[in-house]
Protein backbone atom coordinates (compact mmCIF):
# COMPACT_ATOMS: atom_id res chain seq x y z
CA MET A 1 84.22 -15.26 123.91
CA ARG A 2 83.71 -18.78 121.84
CA SER A 3 79.15 -17.14 122.86
CA VAL A 4 80.33 -13.79 120.38
CA SER A 5 82.07 -15.10 117.60
CA ALA A 6 79.41 -17.82 117.04
CA SER A 7 76.54 -15.48 116.97
CA LEU A 8 78.73 -12.82 115.03
CA ASP A 9 79.38 -15.88 112.50
CA ASP A 10 75.57 -16.74 112.72
CA VAL A 11 74.85 -12.85 111.06
CA GLU A 12 77.90 -12.88 109.09
CA SER A 13 75.32 -15.58 107.25
CA LEU A 14 72.25 -14.42 107.74
CA LEU A 15 73.50 -10.79 106.24
CA GLY A 16 75.30 -12.36 103.34
CA THR A 17 72.11 -14.56 102.42
CA LEU A 18 70.69 -11.58 102.27
CA VAL A 19 72.49 -10.03 100.28
CA ASP A 20 72.87 -12.91 97.90
CA ILE A 21 68.02 -13.25 97.72
CA SER A 22 68.61 -9.46 96.74
CA LYS A 23 71.09 -9.61 94.04
CA LEU A 24 69.02 -13.01 92.14
CA ASP A 25 65.49 -10.56 93.48
CA ALA A 26 67.41 -7.82 91.21
CA GLY A 27 69.08 -9.90 88.86
CA VAL A 28 72.45 -9.29 89.86
CA ILE A 29 73.65 -12.95 89.59
CA LYS A 30 74.14 -13.96 85.32
CA PRO A 31 74.08 -17.14 84.92
CA ASP A 32 77.35 -18.67 83.10
CA VAL A 33 76.29 -22.20 81.97
CA THR A 34 78.93 -24.63 79.84
CA ALA A 35 78.78 -27.76 79.95
CA PHE A 36 81.40 -29.37 82.72
CA ASP A 37 82.12 -32.85 83.80
CA LEU A 38 79.66 -33.03 87.62
CA ARG A 39 82.76 -35.61 88.97
CA ASP A 40 84.73 -32.71 90.80
CA LEU A 41 81.88 -31.01 91.84
CA LEU A 42 80.14 -33.61 92.61
CA ASN A 43 83.07 -34.63 94.16
CA ASN A 44 84.13 -31.61 95.95
CA ILE A 45 80.25 -31.33 97.88
CA ALA A 46 80.43 -34.90 99.43
CA ARG A 47 83.65 -34.20 101.27
CA GLU A 48 83.36 -29.98 101.75
CA CYS A 49 79.50 -31.30 103.77
CA GLN A 50 81.06 -35.17 104.84
CA GLN A 51 82.96 -33.94 108.55
CA MET A 52 79.18 -31.44 109.04
CA ALA A 53 77.98 -34.52 108.93
CA VAL A 54 79.73 -36.90 111.09
CA ALA A 55 80.07 -34.28 113.38
CA GLU A 56 75.95 -34.76 114.00
CA GLY A 57 76.25 -38.66 115.01
CA LEU A 58 75.31 -38.76 110.41
CA ARG A 59 76.62 -41.14 107.87
CA LEU A 60 76.72 -39.68 104.51
CA ASP A 61 76.97 -42.13 101.22
CA PHE A 62 77.29 -40.37 97.43
CA VAL A 63 77.09 -41.97 94.85
CA ALA A 64 80.11 -40.77 92.01
CA SER A 65 79.02 -40.01 87.95
CA SER A 66 81.20 -38.65 84.83
CA ALA A 67 78.09 -37.07 83.88
CA ILE A 68 77.96 -34.63 81.26
CA VAL A 69 75.86 -31.60 82.06
CA GLU A 70 74.86 -27.76 80.64
CA SER A 71 74.47 -25.98 84.07
CA ASP A 72 76.49 -23.09 86.09
CA SER A 73 78.57 -25.91 87.87
CA GLN A 74 78.93 -22.53 90.85
CA LEU A 75 74.96 -22.33 91.39
CA LEU A 76 74.75 -25.81 90.23
CA ALA A 77 76.99 -26.19 93.93
CA ARG A 78 75.00 -23.98 95.79
CA ILE A 79 71.62 -25.60 95.05
CA LEU A 80 73.22 -29.42 95.62
CA ARG A 81 75.15 -28.37 98.91
CA ASN A 82 71.79 -26.22 100.12
CA PHE A 83 69.90 -29.10 99.94
CA LEU A 84 72.79 -31.01 101.67
CA THR A 85 72.91 -28.79 104.64
CA ASN A 86 69.30 -29.19 105.02
CA ALA A 87 69.03 -32.84 105.21
CA ILE A 88 72.33 -32.52 107.88
CA ARG A 89 70.16 -30.18 109.44
CA TYR A 90 66.69 -31.98 109.97
CA THR A 91 67.92 -35.23 110.61
CA GLY A 92 68.41 -37.01 114.05
CA SER A 93 69.83 -40.20 112.89
CA GLY A 94 70.83 -42.23 110.08
CA ARG A 95 72.24 -42.03 107.00
CA ILE A 96 72.49 -39.58 103.37
CA LEU A 97 72.68 -39.36 100.01
CA LEU A 98 73.93 -37.63 97.51
CA GLY A 99 73.88 -39.14 94.25
CA CYS A 100 72.19 -39.10 90.44
CA ARG A 101 70.31 -40.70 88.92
CA ARG A 102 69.74 -40.67 84.20
CA GLN A 103 66.77 -39.65 82.86
CA LYS A 104 66.63 -39.46 78.75
CA ASP A 105 68.28 -36.31 77.67
CA HIS A 106 68.12 -35.45 81.60
CA ILE A 107 70.36 -36.51 84.80
CA LEU A 108 68.50 -35.61 88.37
CA LEU A 109 70.75 -34.63 91.07
CA GLN A 110 69.04 -36.88 94.05
CA VAL A 111 69.35 -35.66 98.12
CA TRP A 112 67.69 -38.35 100.34
CA ASP A 113 67.47 -38.53 104.32
CA THR A 114 66.61 -40.50 106.63
CA GLY A 115 64.45 -37.33 109.17
CA PRO A 116 61.26 -37.22 109.63
CA GLY A 117 60.30 -36.45 106.93
CA ILE A 118 57.77 -33.52 105.55
CA PRO A 119 54.08 -33.60 105.53
CA GLN A 120 52.23 -33.79 101.91
CA ASP A 121 50.43 -29.99 102.23
CA LYS A 122 53.28 -28.46 103.82
CA LEU A 123 55.99 -29.68 101.13
CA ASN A 124 54.93 -26.12 98.20
CA GLU A 125 56.01 -23.74 101.68
CA ILE A 126 59.98 -25.14 102.58
CA PHE A 127 60.71 -22.20 99.71
CA GLN A 128 59.02 -19.95 99.96
CA GLU A 129 61.58 -16.98 101.97
CA PHE A 130 61.56 -17.85 106.26
CA LYS A 131 59.21 -20.67 105.94
CA ARG A 132 59.68 -22.96 108.06
CA ILE A 133 59.23 -25.96 109.08
CA ARG A 134 59.92 -28.03 111.98
CA PRO A 135 58.57 -31.65 112.02
CA GLU A 136 58.09 -32.93 115.37
CA GLY A 137 61.78 -35.25 116.05
CA SER A 138 63.63 -33.38 114.44
CA ARG A 139 66.61 -31.31 115.65
CA PRO A 140 65.94 -27.51 117.06
CA ASP A 141 68.07 -26.15 114.43
CA LYS A 142 68.81 -21.95 113.75
CA GLY A 143 67.91 -21.38 111.01
CA LEU A 144 65.25 -18.94 108.74
CA GLY A 145 64.12 -21.03 106.09
CA LEU A 146 66.03 -18.98 103.10
CA GLY A 147 68.24 -22.25 101.84
CA LEU A 148 65.59 -23.60 100.24
CA ALA A 149 64.35 -20.48 98.78
CA ILE A 150 68.06 -19.24 97.64
CA VAL A 151 67.61 -22.94 95.50
CA ASP A 152 64.20 -21.66 93.83
CA LYS A 153 65.29 -18.74 93.12
CA ILE A 154 68.12 -20.31 91.21
CA ALA A 155 66.43 -22.87 89.76
CA ARG A 156 64.20 -20.95 88.13
CA MET A 157 66.63 -19.23 86.19
CA LEU A 158 69.00 -22.08 84.87
CA GLY A 159 65.43 -23.20 83.86
CA HIS A 160 65.95 -26.17 86.51
CA ASP A 161 63.06 -28.31 88.07
CA VAL A 162 63.05 -28.31 91.84
CA SER A 163 61.23 -31.03 93.21
CA VAL A 164 61.12 -32.91 96.37
CA SER A 165 59.66 -36.01 97.80
CA SER A 166 58.40 -37.26 101.58
CA ALA A 167 57.00 -39.49 103.02
CA GLU A 168 56.95 -38.65 107.15
CA GLY A 169 58.44 -40.88 110.07
CA ARG A 170 61.11 -42.04 106.57
CA GLY A 171 62.60 -39.11 105.69
CA SER A 172 62.83 -36.92 101.93
CA VAL A 173 64.54 -36.56 98.48
CA PHE A 174 65.38 -33.83 97.33
CA SER A 175 66.13 -33.38 93.18
CA VAL A 176 67.55 -30.96 90.60
CA ARG A 177 67.00 -31.94 87.65
CA VAL A 178 69.83 -30.66 85.30
CA PRO A 179 70.00 -31.46 81.56
CA MET A 180 73.16 -33.31 79.80
CA GLY A 181 75.20 -31.02 77.70
CA ARG A 182 78.22 -31.87 75.91
CA LEU A 183 82.13 -30.95 75.96
CA GLN A 184 83.65 -29.46 73.12
CA PRO A 185 86.01 -30.38 71.55
CA LYS A 186 89.58 -27.83 72.61
CA ARG A 187 90.77 -26.15 69.19
CA LEU A 188 94.98 -26.30 69.13
CA SER A 189 96.50 -23.28 67.23
CA ALA A 190 99.74 -25.01 67.84
CA ALA A 191 102.09 -27.69 69.98
CA GLY A 192 103.46 -24.81 72.42
CA LYS A 193 99.85 -23.89 73.29
CA GLY A 194 98.65 -28.03 73.03
CA VAL A 195 101.25 -28.24 75.81
CA HIS A 196 99.65 -25.52 77.86
CA ASN A 197 96.33 -26.24 77.43
CA ALA A 198 97.05 -29.57 78.48
CA MET A 199 98.42 -27.83 81.40
CA ALA A 200 95.77 -25.92 82.44
CA ASP A 201 93.62 -28.82 81.62
CA GLN A 202 94.56 -30.20 85.65
CA GLY A 203 93.21 -27.83 86.90
CA LEU A 204 95.52 -27.72 89.87
CA GLY A 205 96.98 -31.07 89.38
CA GLY A 206 100.82 -30.61 90.84
CA ALA A 207 100.43 -28.11 91.76
CA ARG A 208 103.17 -26.21 94.62
CA VAL A 209 101.46 -25.32 98.05
CA TRP A 210 102.26 -23.38 101.32
CA VAL A 211 99.35 -22.63 103.49
CA ILE A 212 100.52 -20.60 106.18
CA ASP A 213 98.30 -19.91 108.67
CA ASN A 214 98.44 -20.23 113.05
CA ASP A 215 96.12 -22.97 113.63
CA HIS A 216 97.24 -26.29 113.49
CA ALA A 217 94.05 -27.37 113.12
CA ILE A 218 92.38 -24.67 110.07
CA CYS A 219 96.59 -25.68 108.43
CA ALA A 220 95.43 -29.47 109.14
CA GLY A 221 91.55 -28.59 107.21
CA MET A 222 93.02 -26.52 104.26
CA LYS A 223 95.91 -29.45 103.03
CA THR A 224 93.94 -32.56 102.96
CA LEU A 225 91.22 -30.12 101.12
CA LEU A 226 93.73 -28.87 99.22
CA GLU A 227 95.38 -32.36 98.27
CA GLY A 228 92.10 -33.88 97.93
CA TRP A 229 92.68 -31.38 94.95
CA ASP A 230 95.74 -32.99 93.60
CA CYS A 231 98.87 -30.20 94.74
CA ARG A 232 101.82 -30.90 96.65
CA VAL A 233 101.35 -28.98 99.64
CA THR A 234 103.58 -27.72 103.26
CA GLY A 235 101.41 -26.52 106.11
CA ALA A 236 103.53 -23.97 108.76
CA THR A 237 102.11 -22.25 111.36
CA SER A 238 105.08 -19.86 111.34
CA LEU A 239 108.25 -18.82 108.85
CA ALA A 240 110.48 -20.43 111.00
CA ASP A 241 107.65 -23.90 111.47
CA LEU A 242 108.33 -23.02 107.13
CA GLU A 243 111.97 -22.82 107.38
CA ARG A 244 112.38 -26.20 108.74
CA GLN A 245 110.83 -27.62 106.80
CA LEU A 246 112.09 -26.11 103.27
CA ASP A 247 114.38 -23.39 101.98
CA PRO A 248 111.58 -20.68 101.08
CA VAL A 249 113.73 -18.64 98.93
CA GLY A 250 114.90 -21.44 96.33
CA SER A 251 112.99 -24.26 97.05
CA PRO A 252 109.69 -24.53 93.64
CA VAL A 253 105.84 -22.83 95.06
CA ASP A 254 103.25 -21.78 92.66
CA LEU A 255 101.10 -20.10 95.37
CA ILE A 256 101.36 -19.02 98.64
CA LEU A 257 97.60 -19.27 101.12
CA ALA A 258 98.01 -17.77 104.10
CA ASP A 259 95.56 -16.65 106.90
CA TYR A 260 95.77 -12.85 107.36
CA HIS A 261 96.44 -11.76 111.25
CA LEU A 262 98.52 -14.06 112.39
CA ASP A 263 100.52 -14.94 116.76
CA ASN A 264 102.53 -11.75 118.40
CA ASP A 265 100.80 -9.17 115.98
CA GLU A 266 102.61 -9.92 112.94
CA THR A 267 100.54 -10.85 110.07
CA GLY A 268 100.49 -12.83 106.98
CA ALA A 269 101.26 -9.76 104.63
CA ASP A 270 104.71 -9.87 106.51
CA ILE A 271 105.95 -13.40 106.62
CA VAL A 272 104.90 -13.05 102.82
CA ALA A 273 106.60 -10.54 101.79
CA SER A 274 109.90 -11.92 104.47
CA ILE A 275 109.75 -15.04 101.71
CA ASN A 276 108.94 -13.05 98.25
CA GLY A 277 111.98 -10.39 99.28
CA ARG A 278 113.81 -13.48 99.17
CA ARG A 279 113.18 -14.62 95.74
CA ARG A 280 114.13 -14.37 91.94
CA HIS A 281 110.42 -14.83 91.44
CA PRO A 282 107.96 -14.22 93.45
CA ALA A 283 105.20 -16.64 94.60
CA PRO A 284 101.40 -15.41 93.82
CA VAL A 285 99.61 -14.86 96.88
CA VAL A 286 95.88 -15.30 98.10
CA MET A 287 95.07 -13.93 101.19
CA ILE A 288 92.69 -14.97 104.42
CA THR A 289 91.19 -12.80 106.41
CA ALA A 290 87.61 -12.23 109.20
CA ASN A 291 88.31 -8.59 108.35
CA TYR A 292 85.69 -6.61 105.91
CA THR A 293 87.44 -3.49 106.29
CA ASN A 294 87.11 -1.51 102.93
CA GLU A 295 91.52 -0.27 104.60
CA LEU A 296 93.00 -3.58 104.99
CA LYS A 297 90.73 -4.77 101.45
CA GLN A 298 93.00 -1.81 100.16
CA HIS A 299 95.91 -2.38 101.44
CA ILE A 300 95.41 -6.33 99.75
CA ARG A 301 95.02 -4.73 96.61
CA ASP A 302 98.04 -2.39 96.85
CA LEU A 303 100.06 -5.28 97.52
CA GLY A 304 99.18 -7.47 94.51
CA TYR A 305 97.39 -10.11 96.74
CA VAL A 306 93.84 -12.40 95.89
CA LEU A 307 91.99 -10.87 98.79
CA MET A 308 89.07 -14.22 100.40
CA ASN A 309 87.15 -13.08 103.05
CA LYS A 310 86.07 -15.97 105.72
CA PRO A 311 84.20 -18.46 105.48
CA VAL A 312 86.30 -19.48 102.14
CA LYS A 313 83.87 -21.30 100.09
CA PRO A 314 85.97 -24.04 98.43
CA LEU A 315 84.26 -24.44 95.01
CA LYS A 316 85.15 -20.68 94.75
CA LEU A 317 89.76 -21.47 96.06
CA ARG A 318 89.72 -23.25 93.89
CA SER A 319 88.15 -21.32 90.82
CA THR A 320 90.27 -18.59 91.86
CA LEU A 321 93.96 -20.90 93.25
CA SER A 322 92.75 -22.98 89.39
CA HIS A 323 93.00 -18.69 87.66
CA LEU A 324 96.63 -18.10 88.97
CA ILE A 325 98.10 -21.09 88.97
CA SER A 326 97.42 -21.23 85.26
CA LEU A 327 99.20 -17.41 85.31
CA GLN A 328 102.10 -18.30 87.35
CA ARG A 329 102.85 -21.62 84.80
CA ARG A 330 102.41 -18.95 81.43
CA GLU A 331 104.89 -16.59 82.38
CA PRO A 332 108.17 -17.30 80.89
CA ARG A 333 110.72 -18.40 83.63
């Protein structure tokens, strides 16, 4: 079953990547360029890739930065994530480094690795679709050579320069050059609005989130991720497990994050309905599932929940939670 599941995941990932490329080629994806602090973006990506590197016996080092840059944060994150995934995939042993360098009015975001390196005459080819250069000594992989092609398309769209330097037998450095930016001062029209904006600026800070998933490992992993975003998290594998830890009716909660398929033919929707049906103020709900059917999508929409399909991307999850929690905090109590 595991091999079948892994094969389905590979197909799903490939289809998703091909759809992304077609969207980029068709101009469907439009960049939302703003000035933002690099701190959260780099922290999240480093945390996301840390376990992947450890699983491959590699050391991932990360140099934080609070520089302000001008870019699309989600698309820039996609570039860095692809750089890191590539580095982990081809580095047999040693370390990988994610960091930044200032260059006058630009920031150079870089991923260094100690992999086998790339021949000089192949450096331009690696950004072409379905081009895979497998240097001697690199680990075998199932990649199709699309990650760097997506990087190239995104970088062109954003007007960012992407470069690579490499020494065979020593490793490679992938870089994206991003213009520095300046945060715009927030305009407050009233004291009350100022208080609200201060809360919104905290993002997920202090948010109380209940995570419901029948898989203990997923539940624990989600708890770790959310706590890294300064949330107060209660993880449970069932309604009974949640009730052992708190009172689902009276305890304060900002959001419920539930997996749709649970044990014993029960669903996350069943548990959430039981909880919210007894609360004075129903909590916002994000339902996570690997089921892509239109029927389920419509069902979740009819219930008034937000649906996210697996695999869940941390940056997309954070954006969704931040939006829902911000709306929750605005509602009068």
